[in-house]
Amino acid sequence: MPQPDPVPSPRYTLMRRFWRIFRLLALLSIVIAAIAVVLVARGDPATHVHMLIATALGVSLMVLLGSGLMTLVFLSSSSGHDDQAAASHQENEEK
């Protein structure tokens, strides 16, 4: 007799969703960093390679950090964790 597929845990589903979004955001940050490097290199022909590497790392990591944190905010909101925190905050205010 065939057995039904097990239902994945909500935590596993949420982690898969986060990593899928995070991979797309990593690609986005690489594209934005490449654009920034092109703009910096185009501005001054005497730009050193160290400046281009610093620009690429700085821009890509900042875009990745900002978009990753925003992803966590949206996933936290959709999973219901914010509702639990808001309920306990309201209970503390009533006391």
Protein backbone atom coordinates (compact mmCIF):
# COMPACT_ATOMS: atom_id res chain seq x y z
CA MET A 1 0.00 0.00 0.00
CA PRO A 2 1.47 3.40 -0.92
CA GLN A 3 2.27 5.75 1.91
CA PRO A 4 1.51 9.47 1.69
CA ASP A 5 4.34 11.93 1.49
CA PRO A 6 5.32 13.33 4.88
CA VAL A 7 4.39 16.94 5.52
CA PRO A 8 7.56 19.04 5.75
CA SER A 9 8.06 21.02 8.93
CA PRO A 10 7.28 24.75 8.79
CA ARG A 11 10.86 25.54 9.80
CA TYR A 12 12.27 23.51 6.90
CA THR A 13 9.88 25.15 4.45
CA LEU A 14 10.79 28.61 5.73
CA MET A 15 14.53 27.89 5.46
CA ARG A 16 14.13 26.61 1.89
CA ARG A 17 12.18 29.75 1.01
CA PHE A 18 14.83 31.98 2.61
CA TRP A 19 17.73 30.34 0.79
CA ARG A 20 15.90 30.47 -2.55
CA ILE A 21 15.33 34.22 -2.11
CA PHE A 22 18.87 34.73 -0.78
CA ARG A 23 20.42 33.11 -3.88
CA LEU A 24 18.51 35.54 -6.09
CA LEU A 25 19.61 38.44 -3.90
CA ALA A 26 23.24 37.28 -4.13
CA LEU A 27 22.95 37.38 -7.91
CA LEU A 28 21.39 40.85 -7.69
CA SER A 29 24.21 42.11 -5.46
CA ILE A 30 26.83 40.80 -7.90
CA VAL A 31 25.12 42.62 -10.78
CA ILE A 32 24.88 45.87 -8.80
CA ALA A 33 28.54 45.57 -7.74
CA ALA A 34 29.59 45.06 -11.36
CA ILE A 35 27.67 48.19 -12.36
CA ALA A 36 29.33 50.15 -9.55
CA VAL A 37 32.80 48.96 -10.59
CA VAL A 38 32.14 49.96 -14.20
CA LEU A 39 30.97 53.41 -13.11
CA VAL A 40 34.01 53.92 -10.86
CA ALA A 41 36.46 52.68 -13.51
CA ARG A 42 34.85 54.84 -16.19
CA GLY A 43 35.16 58.01 -14.12
CA ASP A 44 38.94 58.08 -13.74
CA PRO A 45 41.37 56.20 -16.01
CA ALA A 46 44.05 56.18 -13.28
CA THR A 47 41.91 54.18 -10.85
CA HIS A 48 43.88 51.45 -9.08
CA VAL A 49 42.72 47.87 -8.95
CA HIS A 50 42.54 48.10 -5.14
CA MET A 51 39.85 50.77 -5.46
CA LEU A 52 37.84 48.58 -7.81
CA ILE A 53 38.09 45.57 -5.49
CA ALA A 54 37.06 47.67 -2.49
CA THR A 55 34.12 49.09 -4.44
CA ALA A 56 32.97 45.65 -5.56
CA LEU A 57 33.20 44.15 -2.07
CA GLY A 58 31.67 47.13 -0.32
CA VAL A 59 28.71 47.51 -2.65
CA SER A 60 27.96 43.80 -2.95
CA LEU A 61 28.15 43.13 0.79
CA MET A 62 26.01 46.15 1.68
CA VAL A 63 23.34 45.24 -0.88
CA LEU A 64 23.42 41.62 0.28
CA LEU A 65 23.19 42.60 3.95
CA GLY A 66 20.35 45.06 3.45
CA SER A 67 18.30 42.81 1.20
CA GLY A 68 18.95 39.77 3.42
CA LEU A 69 17.70 41.60 6.50
CA MET A 70 14.61 42.81 4.66
CA THR A 71 13.98 39.22 3.52
CA LEU A 72 14.12 38.07 7.14
CA VAL A 73 11.65 40.79 8.13
CA PHE A 74 9.16 39.72 5.47
CA LEU A 75 9.57 36.01 6.20
CA SER A 76 9.17 36.64 9.92
CA SER A 77 6.00 38.58 9.28
CA SER A 78 4.54 35.89 7.02
CA SER A 79 5.38 33.08 9.46
CA GLY A 80 3.50 34.65 12.38
CA HIS A 81 6.48 35.28 14.66
CA ASP A 82 5.69 39.00 14.76
CA ASP A 83 2.16 38.29 16.00
CA GLN A 84 3.51 36.42 19.00
CA ALA A 85 5.91 39.25 19.85
CA ALA A 86 3.20 41.88 19.47
CA ALA A 87 0.86 39.96 21.77
CA SER A 88 3.45 39.76 24.55
CA HIS A 89 4.28 43.45 24.11
CA GLN A 90 0.60 44.38 24.47
CA GLU A 91 0.33 42.26 27.62
CA ASN A 92 3.29 44.11 29.17
CA GLU A 93 1.74 47.49 28.37
CA GLU A 94 -1.55 46.56 30.04
CA LYS A 95 0.17 45.77 33.35
